[in-house]
Amino acid sequence: IGEYELLELIGDGAQGRVYKARHVAGPEGDPQELVA
């Protein structure tokens, strides 16, 4: 989704879904830390 790679589904509720994800690295470096 955009610049984020979805790693796994954390939760699914009435308002939406929450994923464990990480920012996809650009040509300048490594991926950033994990995010929800």
PDB file of all heavy atoms in Angstrom:
ATOM      1  N   ILE A   1       0.889  -1.159   0.000  1.00  0.00           N
ATOM      2  CA  ILE A   1       0.000   0.000   0.000  1.00  0.00           C
ATOM      3  C   ILE A   1       0.921   1.200   0.000  1.00  0.00           C
ATOM      4  O   ILE A   1       1.638   1.442   0.972  1.00  0.00           O
ATOM      5  CB  ILE A   1      -0.934   0.021   1.223  1.00  0.00           C
ATOM      6  CG1 ILE A   1      -1.890  -1.166   1.179  1.00  0.00           C
ATOM      7  CG2 ILE A   1      -1.696   1.338   1.292  1.00  0.00           C
ATOM      8  CD1 ILE A   1      -2.835  -1.258   2.350  1.00  0.00           C
ATOM      9  N   GLY A   2       0.917   1.921  -1.110  1.00  0.00           N
ATOM     10  CA  GLY A   2       1.828   3.046  -1.239  1.00  0.00           C
ATOM     11  C   GLY A   2       3.258   2.570  -1.084  1.00  0.00           C
ATOM     12  O   GLY A   2       3.685   1.630  -1.759  1.00  0.00           O
ATOM     13  N   GLU A   3       3.994   3.185  -0.178  1.00  0.00           N
ATOM     14  CA  GLU A   3       5.400   2.832   0.055  1.00  0.00           C
ATOM     15  C   GLU A   3       5.575   1.810   1.176  1.00  0.00           C
ATOM     16  O   GLU A   3       6.666   1.631   1.692  1.00  0.00           O
ATOM     17  CB  GLU A   3       6.196   4.093   0.378  1.00  0.00           C
ATOM     18  CG  GLU A   3       6.212   5.091  -0.750  1.00  0.00           C
ATOM     19  CD  GLU A   3       7.015   6.332  -0.413  1.00  0.00           C
ATOM     20  OE1 GLU A   3       7.446   6.490   0.749  1.00  0.00           O
ATOM     21  OE2 GLU A   3       7.204   7.148  -1.318  1.00  0.00           O
ATOM     22  N   TYR A   4       4.491   1.150   1.580  1.00  0.00           N
ATOM     23  CA  TYR A   4       4.553   0.200   2.684  1.00  0.00           C
ATOM     24  C   TYR A   4       4.292  -1.220   2.202  1.00  0.00           C
ATOM     25  O   TYR A   4       3.350  -1.483   1.456  1.00  0.00           O
ATOM     26  CB  TYR A   4       3.554   0.573   3.781  1.00  0.00           C
ATOM     27  CG  TYR A   4       3.950   1.845   4.472  1.00  0.00           C
ATOM     28  CD1 TYR A   4       3.516   3.072   4.003  1.00  0.00           C
ATOM     29  CD2 TYR A   4       4.806   1.816   5.563  1.00  0.00           C
ATOM     30  CE1 TYR A   4       3.906   4.257   4.620  1.00  0.00           C
ATOM     31  CE2 TYR A   4       5.208   2.989   6.179  1.00  0.00           C
ATOM     32  CZ  TYR A   4       4.753   4.194   5.703  1.00  0.00           C
ATOM     33  OH  TYR A   4       5.152   5.356   6.312  1.00  0.00           O
ATOM     34  N   GLU A   5       5.134  -2.135   2.657  1.00  0.00           N
ATOM     35  CA  GLU A   5       4.984  -3.547   2.359  1.00  0.00           C
ATOM     36  C   GLU A   5       4.244  -4.193   3.525  1.00  0.00           C
ATOM     37  O   GLU A   5       4.672  -4.088   4.677  1.00  0.00           O
ATOM     38  CB  GLU A   5       6.377  -4.167   2.211  1.00  0.00           C
ATOM     39  CG  GLU A   5       6.357  -5.626   1.891  1.00  0.00           C
ATOM     40  CD  GLU A   5       7.773  -6.176   1.766  1.00  0.00           C
ATOM     41  OE1 GLU A   5       8.554  -6.037   2.730  1.00  0.00           O
ATOM     42  OE2 GLU A   5       8.076  -6.717   0.706  1.00  0.00           O
ATOM     43  N   LEU A   6       3.113  -4.857   3.237  1.00  0.00           N
ATOM     44  CA  LEU A   6       2.318  -5.500   4.283  1.00  0.00           C
ATOM     45  C   LEU A   6       2.930  -6.848   4.621  1.00  0.00           C
ATOM     46  O   LEU A   6       3.125  -7.692   3.751  1.00  0.00           O
ATOM     47  CB  LEU A   6       0.875  -5.676   3.813  1.00  0.00           C
ATOM     48  CG  LEU A   6       0.168  -4.413   3.338  1.00  0.00           C
ATOM     49  CD1 LEU A   6      -1.272  -4.728   2.945  1.00  0.00           C
ATOM     50  CD2 LEU A   6       0.224  -3.315   4.374  1.00  0.00           C
ATOM     51  N   LEU A   7       3.244  -7.040   5.901  1.00  0.00           N
ATOM     52  CA  LEU A   7       3.891  -8.275   6.338  1.00  0.00           C
ATOM     53  C   LEU A   7       2.894  -9.282   6.893  1.00  0.00           C
ATOM     54  O   LEU A   7       2.996 -10.477   6.631  1.00  0.00           O
ATOM     55  CB  LEU A   7       4.972  -7.960   7.366  1.00  0.00           C
ATOM     56  CG  LEU A   7       6.065  -7.006   6.877  1.00  0.00           C
ATOM     57  CD1 LEU A   7       7.018  -6.669   8.006  1.00  0.00           C
ATOM     58  CD2 LEU A   7       6.806  -7.584   5.688  1.00  0.00           C
ATOM     59  N   GLU A   8       1.938  -8.797   7.697  1.00  0.00           N
ATOM     60  CA  GLU A   8       0.916  -9.693   8.232  1.00  0.00           C
ATOM     61  C   GLU A   8      -0.252  -8.890   8.781  1.00  0.00           C
ATOM     62  O   GLU A   8      -0.093  -7.736   9.181  1.00  0.00           O
ATOM     63  CB  GLU A   8       1.476 -10.604   9.315  1.00  0.00           C
ATOM     64  CG  GLU A   8       1.879  -9.907  10.594  1.00  0.00           C
ATOM     65  CD  GLU A   8       2.428 -10.861  11.641  1.00  0.00           C
ATOM     66  OE1 GLU A   8       1.621 -11.486  12.351  1.00  0.00           O
ATOM     67  OE2 GLU A   8       3.654 -10.970  11.750  1.00  0.00           O
ATOM     68  N   LEU A   9      -1.422  -9.509   8.790  1.00  0.00           N
ATOM     69  CA  LEU A   9      -2.618  -8.900   9.350  1.00  0.00           C
ATOM     70  C   LEU A   9      -2.572  -9.030  10.868  1.00  0.00           C
ATOM     71  O   LEU A   9      -2.393 -10.133  11.390  1.00  0.00           O
ATOM     72  CB  LEU A   9      -3.868  -9.586   8.794  1.00  0.00           C
ATOM     73  CG  LEU A   9      -5.213  -9.060   9.282  1.00  0.00           C
ATOM     74  CD1 LEU A   9      -5.434  -7.617   8.818  1.00  0.00           C
ATOM     75  CD2 LEU A   9      -6.341  -9.953   8.774  1.00  0.00           C
ATOM     76  N   ILE A  10      -2.693  -7.906  11.566  1.00  0.00           N
ATOM     77  CA  ILE A  10      -2.678  -7.918  13.029  1.00  0.00           C
ATOM     78  C   ILE A  10      -4.095  -7.997  13.575  1.00  0.00           C
ATOM     79  O   ILE A  10      -4.379  -8.713  14.519  1.00  0.00           O
ATOM     80  CB  ILE A  10      -1.976  -6.657  13.591  1.00  0.00           C
ATOM     81  CG1 ILE A  10      -0.512  -6.648  13.177  1.00  0.00           C
ATOM     82  CG2 ILE A  10      -2.114  -6.587  15.108  1.00  0.00           C
ATOM     83  CD1 ILE A  10       0.216  -5.363  13.521  1.00  0.00           C
ATOM     84  N   GLY A  11      -5.009  -7.214  12.968  1.00  0.00           N
ATOM     85  CA  GLY A  11      -6.386  -7.197  13.446  1.00  0.00           C
ATOM     86  C   GLY A  11      -7.348  -6.740  12.367  1.00  0.00           C
ATOM     87  O   GLY A  11      -6.972  -6.052  11.420  1.00  0.00           O
ATOM     88  N   ASP A  12      -8.617  -7.131  12.529  1.00  0.00           N
ATOM     89  CA  ASP A  12      -9.656  -6.778  11.569  1.00  0.00           C
ATOM     90  C   ASP A  12     -10.910  -6.436  12.359  1.00  0.00           C
ATOM     91  O   ASP A  12     -11.406  -7.258  13.114  1.00  0.00           O
ATOM     92  CB  ASP A  12      -9.899  -7.963  10.637  1.00  0.00           C
ATOM     93  CG  ASP A  12     -10.802  -7.627   9.475  1.00  0.00           C
ATOM     94  OD1 ASP A  12     -11.174  -6.450   9.312  1.00  0.00           O
ATOM     95  OD2 ASP A  12     -11.136  -8.549   8.711  1.00  0.00           O
ATOM     96  N   GLY A  13     -11.387  -5.199  12.197  1.00  0.00           N
ATOM     97  CA  GLY A  13     -12.556  -4.764  12.939  1.00  0.00           C
ATOM     98  C   GLY A  13     -13.517  -3.979  12.069  1.00  0.00           C
ATOM     99  O   GLY A  13     -13.355  -3.896  10.855  1.00  0.00           O
ATOM    100  N   ALA A  14     -14.505  -3.375  12.702  1.00  0.00           N
ATOM    101  CA  ALA A  14     -15.545  -2.642  11.986  1.00  0.00           C
ATOM    102  C   ALA A  14     -14.995  -1.418  11.257  1.00  0.00           C
ATOM    103  O   ALA A  14     -15.479  -1.062  10.190  1.00  0.00           O
ATOM    104  CB  ALA A  14     -16.639  -2.218  12.964  1.00  0.00           C
ATOM    105  N   GLN A  15     -13.978  -0.765  11.822  1.00  0.00           N
ATOM    106  CA  GLN A  15     -13.437   0.451  11.214  1.00  0.00           C
ATOM    107  C   GLN A  15     -12.368   0.175  10.161  1.00  0.00           C
ATOM    108  O   GLN A  15     -12.058   1.036   9.352  1.00  0.00           O
ATOM    109  CB  GLN A  15     -12.857   1.370  12.268  1.00  0.00           C
ATOM    110  CG  GLN A  15     -13.900   1.985  13.163  1.00  0.00           C
ATOM    111  CD  GLN A  15     -13.271   2.969  14.133  1.00  0.00           C
ATOM    112  OE1 GLN A  15     -12.071   2.914  14.398  1.00  0.00           O
ATOM    113  NE2 GLN A  15     -14.069   3.866  14.654  1.00  0.00           N
ATOM    114  N   GLY A  16     -11.773  -1.006  10.178  1.00  0.00           N
ATOM    115  CA  GLY A  16     -10.735  -1.309   9.196  1.00  0.00           C
ATOM    116  C   GLY A  16      -9.832  -2.433   9.644  1.00  0.00           C
ATOM    117  O   GLY A  16     -10.113  -3.125  10.611  1.00  0.00           O
ATOM    118  N   ARG A  17      -8.719  -2.565   8.933  1.00  0.00           N
ATOM    119  CA  ARG A  17      -7.735  -3.603   9.232  1.00  0.00           C
ATOM    120  C   ARG A  17      -6.424  -2.961   9.657  1.00  0.00           C
ATOM    121  O   ARG A  17      -6.070  -1.898   9.179  1.00  0.00           O
ATOM    122  CB  ARG A  17      -7.473  -4.457   7.997  1.00  0.00           C
ATOM    123  CG  ARG A  17      -8.628  -5.308   7.610  1.00  0.00           C
ATOM    124  CD  ARG A  17      -8.301  -6.134   6.410  1.00  0.00           C
ATOM    125  NE  ARG A  17      -9.351  -7.135   6.230  1.00  0.00           N
ATOM    126  CZ  ARG A  17      -9.333  -8.057   5.309  1.00  0.00           C
ATOM    127  NH1 ARG A  17      -8.331  -8.133   4.460  1.00  0.00           N
ATOM    128  NH2 ARG A  17     -10.315  -8.915   5.220  1.00  0.00           N
ATOM    129  N   VAL A  18      -5.692  -3.656  10.543  1.00  0.00           N
ATOM    130  CA  VAL A  18      -4.383  -3.198  10.985  1.00  0.00           C
ATOM    131  C   VAL A  18      -3.359  -4.244  10.559  1.00  0.00           C
ATOM    132  O   VAL A  18      -3.535  -5.443  10.806  1.00  0.00           O
ATOM    133  CB  VAL A  18      -4.339  -2.997  12.516  1.00  0.00           C
ATOM    134  CG1 VAL A  18      -2.946  -2.554  12.955  1.00  0.00           C
ATOM    135  CG2 VAL A  18      -5.392  -1.989  12.954  1.00  0.00           C
ATOM    136  N   TYR A  19      -2.307  -3.757   9.893  1.00  0.00           N
ATOM    137  CA  TYR A  19      -1.259  -4.635   9.393  1.00  0.00           C
ATOM    138  C   TYR A  19       0.085  -4.310  10.031  1.00  0.00           C
ATOM    139  O   TYR A  19       0.362  -3.152  10.336  1.00  0.00           O
ATOM    140  CB  TYR A  19      -1.076  -4.441   7.876  1.00  0.00           C
ATOM    141  CG  TYR A  19      -2.248  -4.886   7.052  1.00  0.00           C
ATOM    142  CD1 TYR A  19      -3.250  -4.006   6.698  1.00  0.00           C
ATOM    143  CD2 TYR A  19      -2.332  -6.200   6.605  1.00  0.00           C
ATOM    144  CE1 TYR A  19      -4.325  -4.409   5.923  1.00  0.00           C
ATOM    145  CE2 TYR A  19      -3.397  -6.627   5.832  1.00  0.00           C
ATOM    146  CZ  TYR A  19      -4.395  -5.717   5.492  1.00  0.00           C
ATOM    147  OH  TYR A  19      -5.459  -6.118   4.724  1.00  0.00           O
ATOM    148  N   LYS A  20       0.897  -5.320  10.200  1.00  0.00           N
ATOM    149  CA  LYS A  20       2.314  -5.126  10.482  1.00  0.00           C
ATOM    150  C   LYS A  20       2.929  -4.843   9.123  1.00  0.00           C
ATOM    151  O   LYS A  20       2.714  -5.603   8.157  1.00  0.00           O
ATOM    152  CB  LYS A  20       2.907  -6.395  11.097  1.00  0.00           C
ATOM    153  CG  LYS A  20       4.386  -6.308  11.370  1.00  0.00           C
ATOM    154  CD  LYS A  20       4.847  -7.637  11.980  1.00  0.00           C
ATOM    155  CE  LYS A  20       6.329  -7.671  12.213  1.00  0.00           C
ATOM    156  NZ  LYS A  20       6.738  -8.980  12.778  1.00  0.00           N
ATOM    157  N   ALA A  21       3.673  -3.731   9.002  1.00  0.00           N
ATOM    158  CA  ALA A  21       4.216  -3.330   7.702  1.00  0.00           C
ATOM    159  C   ALA A  21       5.587  -2.693   7.888  1.00  0.00           C
ATOM    160  O   ALA A  21       5.999  -2.396   9.007  1.00  0.00           O
ATOM    161  CB  ALA A  21       3.261  -2.340   7.031  1.00  0.00           C
ATOM    162  N   ARG A  22       6.262  -2.471   6.765  1.00  0.00           N
ATOM    163  CA  ARG A  22       7.529  -1.743   6.805  1.00  0.00           C
ATOM    164  C   ARG A  22       7.610  -0.857   5.574  1.00  0.00           C
ATOM    165  O   ARG A  22       7.051  -1.174   4.520  1.00  0.00           O
ATOM    166  CB  ARG A  22       8.720  -2.676   6.877  1.00  0.00           C
ATOM    167  CG  ARG A  22       8.958  -3.465   5.636  1.00  0.00           C
ATOM    168  CD  ARG A  22      10.234  -4.269   5.736  1.00  0.00           C
ATOM    169  NE  ARG A  22      10.252  -5.201   4.616  1.00  0.00           N
ATOM    170  CZ  ARG A  22      10.988  -6.277   4.573  1.00  0.00           C
ATOM    171  NH1 ARG A  22      11.770  -6.563   5.582  1.00  0.00           N
ATOM    172  NH2 ARG A  22      10.954  -7.063   3.531  1.00  0.00           N
ATOM    173  N   HIS A  23       8.314   0.234   5.735  1.00  0.00           N
ATOM    174  CA  HIS A  23       8.516   1.166   4.635  1.00  0.00           C
ATOM    175  C   HIS A  23       9.481   0.523   3.648  1.00  0.00           C
ATOM    176  O   HIS A  23      10.503  -0.030   4.035  1.00  0.00           O
ATOM    177  CB  HIS A  23       9.084   2.482   5.167  1.00  0.00           C
ATOM    178  CG  HIS A  23       9.122   3.558   4.151  1.00  0.00           C
ATOM    179  ND1 HIS A  23      10.257   3.858   3.445  1.00  0.00           N
ATOM    180  CD2 HIS A  23       8.155   4.388   3.708  1.00  0.00           C
ATOM    181  CE1 HIS A  23       9.989   4.845   2.617  1.00  0.00           C
ATOM    182  NE2 HIS A  23       8.723   5.186   2.749  1.00  0.00           N
ATOM    183  N   VAL A  24       9.142   0.577   2.374  1.00  0.00           N
ATOM    184  CA  VAL A  24       9.992  -0.013   1.343  1.00  0.00           C
ATOM    185  C   VAL A  24      11.160   0.926   1.085  1.00  0.00           C
ATOM    186  O   VAL A  24      10.984   2.125   0.908  1.00  0.00           O
ATOM    187  CB  VAL A  24       9.197  -0.264   0.047  1.00  0.00           C
ATOM    188  CG1 VAL A  24      10.101  -0.837  -1.029  1.00  0.00           C
ATOM    189  CG2 VAL A  24       8.031  -1.197   0.319  1.00  0.00           C
ATOM    190  N   ALA A  25      12.334   0.371   1.087  1.00  0.00           N
ATOM    191  CA  ALA A  25      13.546   1.180   0.920  1.00  0.00           C
ATOM    192  C   ALA A  25      13.620   1.759  -0.485  1.00  0.00           C
ATOM    193  O   ALA A  25      13.283   1.101  -1.455  1.00  0.00           O
ATOM    194  CB  ALA A  25      14.780   0.332   1.177  1.00  0.00           C
ATOM    195  N   GLY A  26      14.073   2.985  -0.539  1.00  0.00           N
ATOM    196  CA  GLY A  26      14.359   3.603  -1.820  1.00  0.00           C
ATOM    197  C   GLY A  26      15.781   3.246  -2.217  1.00  0.00           C
ATOM    198  O   GLY A  26      16.440   2.447  -1.551  1.00  0.00           O
ATOM    199  N   PRO A  27      16.291   3.834  -3.282  1.00  0.00           N
ATOM    200  CA  PRO A  27      17.645   3.510  -3.729  1.00  0.00           C
ATOM    201  C   PRO A  27      18.723   3.955  -2.743  1.00  0.00           C
ATOM    202  O   PRO A  27      19.850   3.502  -2.816  1.00  0.00           O
ATOM    203  CB  PRO A  27      17.774   4.280  -5.050  1.00  0.00           C
ATOM    204  CG  PRO A  27      16.703   5.295  -5.023  1.00  0.00           C
ATOM    205  CD  PRO A  27      15.624   4.788  -4.120  1.00  0.00           C
ATOM    206  N   GLU A  28      18.352   4.806  -1.776  1.00  0.00           N
ATOM    207  CA  GLU A  28      19.348   5.353  -0.858  1.00  0.00           C
ATOM    208  C   GLU A  28      19.583   4.538   0.411  1.00  0.00           C
ATOM    209  O   GLU A  28      20.453   4.866   1.193  1.00  0.00           O
ATOM    210  CB  GLU A  28      18.973   6.787  -0.470  1.00  0.00           C
ATOM    211  CG  GLU A  28      17.729   6.917   0.410  1.00  0.00           C
ATOM    212  CD  GLU A  28      16.410   6.766  -0.340  1.00  0.00           C
ATOM    213  OE1 GLU A  28      16.404   6.841  -1.561  1.00  0.00           O
ATOM    214  OE2 GLU A  28      15.389   6.559   0.333  1.00  0.00           O
ATOM    215  N   GLY A  29      18.787   3.487   0.670  1.00  0.00           N
ATOM    216  CA  GLY A  29      19.061   2.789   1.919  1.00  0.00           C
ATOM    217  C   GLY A  29      18.167   1.607   2.202  1.00  0.00           C
ATOM    218  O   GLY A  29      17.388   1.171   1.370  1.00  0.00           O
ATOM    219  N   ASP A  30      18.310   1.099   3.421  1.00  0.00           N
ATOM    220  CA  ASP A  30      17.561  -0.062   3.882  1.00  0.00           C
ATOM    221  C   ASP A  30      16.142   0.324   4.288  1.00  0.00           C
ATOM    222  O   ASP A  30      15.859   1.484   4.540  1.00  0.00           O
ATOM    223  CB  ASP A  30      18.271  -0.673   5.097  1.00  0.00           C
ATOM    224  CG  ASP A  30      19.645  -1.218   4.740  1.00  0.00           C
ATOM    225  OD1 ASP A  30      19.792  -1.687   3.602  1.00  0.00           O
ATOM    226  OD2 ASP A  30      20.544  -1.157   5.590  1.00  0.00           O
ATOM    227  N   PRO A  31      15.254  -0.688   4.394  1.00  0.00           N
ATOM    228  CA  PRO A  31      13.898  -0.404   4.871  1.00  0.00           C
ATOM    229  C   PRO A  31      13.923   0.186   6.276  1.00  0.00           C
ATOM    230  O   PRO A  31      14.809  -0.123   7.067  1.00  0.00           O
ATOM    231  CB  PRO A  31      13.234  -1.772   4.887  1.00  0.00           C
ATOM    232  CG  PRO A  31      14.043  -2.613   3.976  1.00  0.00           C
ATOM    233  CD  PRO A  31      15.441  -2.075   4.056  1.00  0.00           C
ATOM    234  N   GLN A  32      12.958   1.026   6.560  1.00  0.00           N
ATOM    235  CA  GLN A  32      12.855   1.617   7.889  1.00  0.00           C
ATOM    236  C   GLN A  32      12.274   0.597   8.854  1.00  0.00           C
ATOM    237  O   GLN A  32      11.906  -0.515   8.475  1.00  0.00           O
ATOM    238  CB  GLN A  32      11.980   2.866   7.840  1.00  0.00           C
ATOM    239  CG  GLN A  32      12.594   3.975   7.027  1.00  0.00           C
ATOM    240  CD  GLN A  32      11.715   5.208   7.001  1.00  0.00           C
ATOM    241  OE1 GLN A  32      10.669   5.265   7.636  1.00  0.00           O
ATOM    242  NE2 GLN A  32      12.146   6.207   6.271  1.00  0.00           N
ATOM    243  N   GLU A  33      12.146   1.026  10.117  1.00  0.00           N
ATOM    244  CA  GLU A  33      11.633   0.123  11.137  1.00  0.00           C
ATOM    245  C   GLU A  33      10.198  -0.294  10.845  1.00  0.00           C
ATOM    246  O   GLU A  33       9.519   0.297  10.017  1.00  0.00           O
ATOM    247  CB  GLU A  33      11.732   0.792  12.507  1.00  0.00           C
ATOM    248  CG  GLU A  33      10.887   2.032  12.642  1.00  0.00           C
ATOM    249  CD  GLU A  33      11.172   2.787  13.912  1.00  0.00           C
ATOM    250  OE1 GLU A  33      11.767   2.216  14.826  1.00  0.00           O
ATOM    251  OE2 GLU A  33      10.785   3.944  13.984  1.00  0.00           O
ATOM    252  N   LEU A  34       9.740  -1.303  11.548  1.00  0.00           N
ATOM    253  CA  LEU A  34       8.388  -1.817  11.377  1.00  0.00           C
ATOM    254  C   LEU A  34       7.364  -0.822  11.910  1.00  0.00           C
ATOM    255  O   LEU A  34       7.634  -0.091  12.863  1.00  0.00           O
ATOM    256  CB  LEU A  34       8.250  -3.145  12.112  1.00  0.00           C
ATOM    257  CG  LEU A  34       9.161  -4.264  11.619  1.00  0.00           C
ATOM    258  CD1 LEU A  34       9.004  -5.487  12.500  1.00  0.00           C
ATOM    259  CD2 LEU A  34       8.886  -4.600  10.181  1.00  0.00           C
ATOM    260  N   VAL A  35       6.175  -0.839  11.307  1.00  0.00           N
ATOM    261  CA  VAL A  35       5.088   0.045  11.713  1.00  0.00           C
ATOM    262  C   VAL A  35       3.788  -0.746  11.761  1.00  0.00           C
ATOM    263  O   VAL A  35       3.690  -1.842  11.212  1.00  0.00           O
ATOM    264  CB  VAL A  35       4.915   1.226  10.732  1.00  0.00           C
ATOM    265  CG1 VAL A  35       6.154   2.093  10.698  1.00  0.00           C
ATOM    266  CG2 VAL A  35       4.551   0.754   9.342  1.00  0.00           C
ATOM    267  N   ALA A  36       2.798  -0.182  12.435  1.00  0.00           N
ATOM    268  CA  ALA A  36       1.425  -0.685  12.365  1.00  0.00           C
ATOM    269  C   ALA A  36       0.698   0.244  11.404  1.00  0.00           C
ATOM    270  O   ALA A  36       0.702   1.457  11.572  1.00  0.00           O
ATOM    271  CB  ALA A  36       0.765  -0.663  13.736  1.00  0.00           C
TER     272      ALA A  36
END
